[in-house]
Amino acid sequence: QVRFVESGGGLVQPGGSLRLSCSVSAITFSIYDMSWYRQAPGKQRELVACITNHDREIYPDSVKGRFAISRDNAKRTVYLQMNSLKSQDTAVYYCHAHYAGAPSDWSYWGQGTQVTVSS
């Protein structure tokens, strides 16, 4: 059974930093594209960062230059370094694993970790 262990969320002041971690078991981690999504109250879940299985990084404009995603395949872990945090970054952050296989895709979600940016 696929299991996610997410950590690193919490309360931080505007301008501060947090580092999220997500460890995943029971998948061939290295072949999966790994992403972080977030969902704020009353809003749709949105992509925050993605690192492909070839280490290509993808960011939306809203976090580009502030957030950095990385992965350690040996530790089966993906990280999200968040700097210069703003109140609008407040959300539940979800780890996501995706493999575009044939004929089926495999997609798994973590349970989420709360990030609150407030003074």
Protein backbone atom coordinates (compact mmCIF):
# COMPACT_ATOMS: atom_id res chain seq x y z
CA GLN A 1 0.00 0.00 0.00
CA VAL A 2 1.32 3.42 -0.95
CA ARG A 3 2.10 5.53 2.09
CA PHE A 4 3.03 9.19 2.29
CA VAL A 5 4.76 10.88 5.21
CA GLU A 6 4.56 14.66 4.87
CA SER A 7 6.19 17.06 7.29
CA GLY A 8 7.45 20.60 7.67
CA GLY A 9 4.25 22.58 7.68
CA GLY A 10 3.37 25.09 10.35
CA LEU A 11 2.93 28.74 11.19
CA VAL A 12 5.42 31.27 9.82
CA GLN A 13 5.52 35.05 9.58
CA PRO A 14 5.36 36.83 6.23
CA GLY A 15 8.78 36.86 4.63
CA GLY A 16 9.78 33.68 6.41
CA SER A 17 10.72 30.25 5.10
CA LEU A 18 9.57 26.68 5.46
CA ARG A 19 10.77 23.39 4.01
CA LEU A 20 8.25 20.66 3.33
CA SER A 21 9.25 17.02 3.01
CA CYS A 22 7.33 14.08 1.57
CA SER A 23 8.53 10.52 1.78
CA VAL A 24 6.71 7.85 -0.21
CA SER A 25 6.81 4.09 0.18
CA ALA A 26 5.63 1.18 -1.96
CA ILE A 27 6.20 2.81 -5.34
CA THR A 28 9.19 2.87 -7.66
CA PHE A 29 9.85 6.43 -6.60
CA SER A 30 12.47 7.30 -9.21
CA ILE A 31 10.13 6.84 -12.18
CA TYR A 32 7.41 9.08 -10.79
CA ASP A 33 6.93 12.77 -11.43
CA MET A 34 6.58 14.36 -8.01
CA SER A 35 4.58 17.50 -7.32
CA TRP A 36 3.32 19.73 -4.59
CA TYR A 37 -0.18 21.16 -4.83
CA ARG A 38 -2.00 23.46 -2.45
CA GLN A 39 -5.59 24.21 -1.63
CA ALA A 40 -6.76 27.27 0.25
CA PRO A 41 -10.24 27.45 1.80
CA GLY A 42 -12.88 28.03 -0.87
CA LYS A 43 -10.38 27.65 -3.71
CA GLN A 44 -9.44 24.92 -6.15
CA ARG A 45 -6.37 22.81 -5.66
CA GLU A 46 -3.49 24.27 -7.67
CA LEU A 47 -0.04 23.15 -8.73
CA VAL A 48 2.80 24.70 -6.74
CA ALA A 49 5.80 22.85 -8.12
CA CYS A 50 6.66 19.72 -10.07
CA ILE A 51 9.89 17.82 -10.57
CA THR A 52 9.79 15.20 -13.27
CA ASN A 53 11.53 11.84 -13.21
CA HIS A 54 14.19 13.50 -15.39
CA ASP A 55 14.62 16.33 -12.83
CA ARG A 56 12.88 18.99 -14.89
CA GLU A 57 11.33 21.59 -12.59
CA ILE A 58 8.04 23.35 -13.27
CA TYR A 59 6.60 26.30 -11.34
CA PRO A 60 3.63 28.61 -11.79
CA ASP A 61 4.38 32.33 -11.91
CA SER A 62 2.90 32.81 -8.44
CA VAL A 63 5.82 30.99 -6.75
CA LYS A 64 8.61 31.22 -9.34
CA GLY A 65 11.77 32.54 -7.74
CA ARG A 66 10.48 31.91 -4.21
CA PHE A 67 9.88 28.15 -4.10
CA ALA A 68 12.25 25.34 -5.07
CA ILE A 69 11.43 21.67 -5.45
CA SER A 70 14.00 18.91 -5.21
CA ARG A 71 14.09 15.15 -4.84
CA ASP A 72 16.31 12.47 -3.37
CA ASN A 73 15.51 9.18 -5.05
CA ALA A 74 17.67 7.21 -2.64
CA LYS A 75 15.57 8.52 0.26
CA ARG A 76 12.32 8.34 -1.75
CA THR A 77 11.68 11.92 -0.70
CA VAL A 78 10.63 15.14 -2.38
CA TYR A 79 11.20 18.55 -0.81
CA LEU A 80 9.69 21.99 -1.23
CA GLN A 81 11.76 24.92 -0.02
CA MET A 82 9.50 27.95 0.39
CA ASN A 83 11.06 31.38 0.85
CA SER A 84 9.66 34.90 1.07
CA LEU A 85 6.32 33.50 2.14
CA LYS A 86 3.20 35.61 1.77
CA SER A 87 -0.19 35.43 3.42
CA GLN A 88 -1.63 34.19 0.13
CA ASP A 89 0.59 31.10 0.39
CA THR A 90 -1.56 29.93 3.29
CA ALA A 91 -3.10 26.58 2.32
CA VAL A 92 -2.98 22.86 2.84
CA TYR A 93 -0.06 21.53 0.81
CA TYR A 94 -0.37 18.11 -0.78
CA CYS A 95 2.31 15.83 -2.13
CA HIS A 96 1.46 14.05 -5.39
CA ALA A 97 3.09 11.18 -7.24
CA HIS A 98 2.27 10.54 -10.89
CA TYR A 99 3.49 8.01 -13.41
CA ALA A 100 2.23 8.17 -16.99
CA GLY A 101 2.23 4.50 -17.75
CA ALA A 102 0.59 2.53 -20.55
CA PRO A 103 -2.23 1.69 -20.66
CA SER A 104 -2.92 3.22 -17.23
CA ASP A 105 -1.63 6.15 -15.25
CA TRP A 106 -0.76 5.84 -11.59
CA SER A 107 -1.56 8.78 -9.33
CA TYR A 108 -1.31 9.03 -5.56
CA TRP A 109 -1.92 11.83 -3.05
CA GLY A 110 -0.54 12.53 0.38
CA GLN A 111 -2.75 13.54 3.27
CA GLY A 112 -1.66 17.20 3.25
CA THR A 113 0.17 19.49 5.62
CA GLN A 114 -1.05 22.91 6.74
CA VAL A 115 1.02 26.00 5.99
CA THR A 116 -0.13 29.23 7.61
CA VAL A 117 1.56 32.54 6.86
CA SER A 118 0.51 35.16 9.35
CA SER A 119 1.93 37.78 11.66
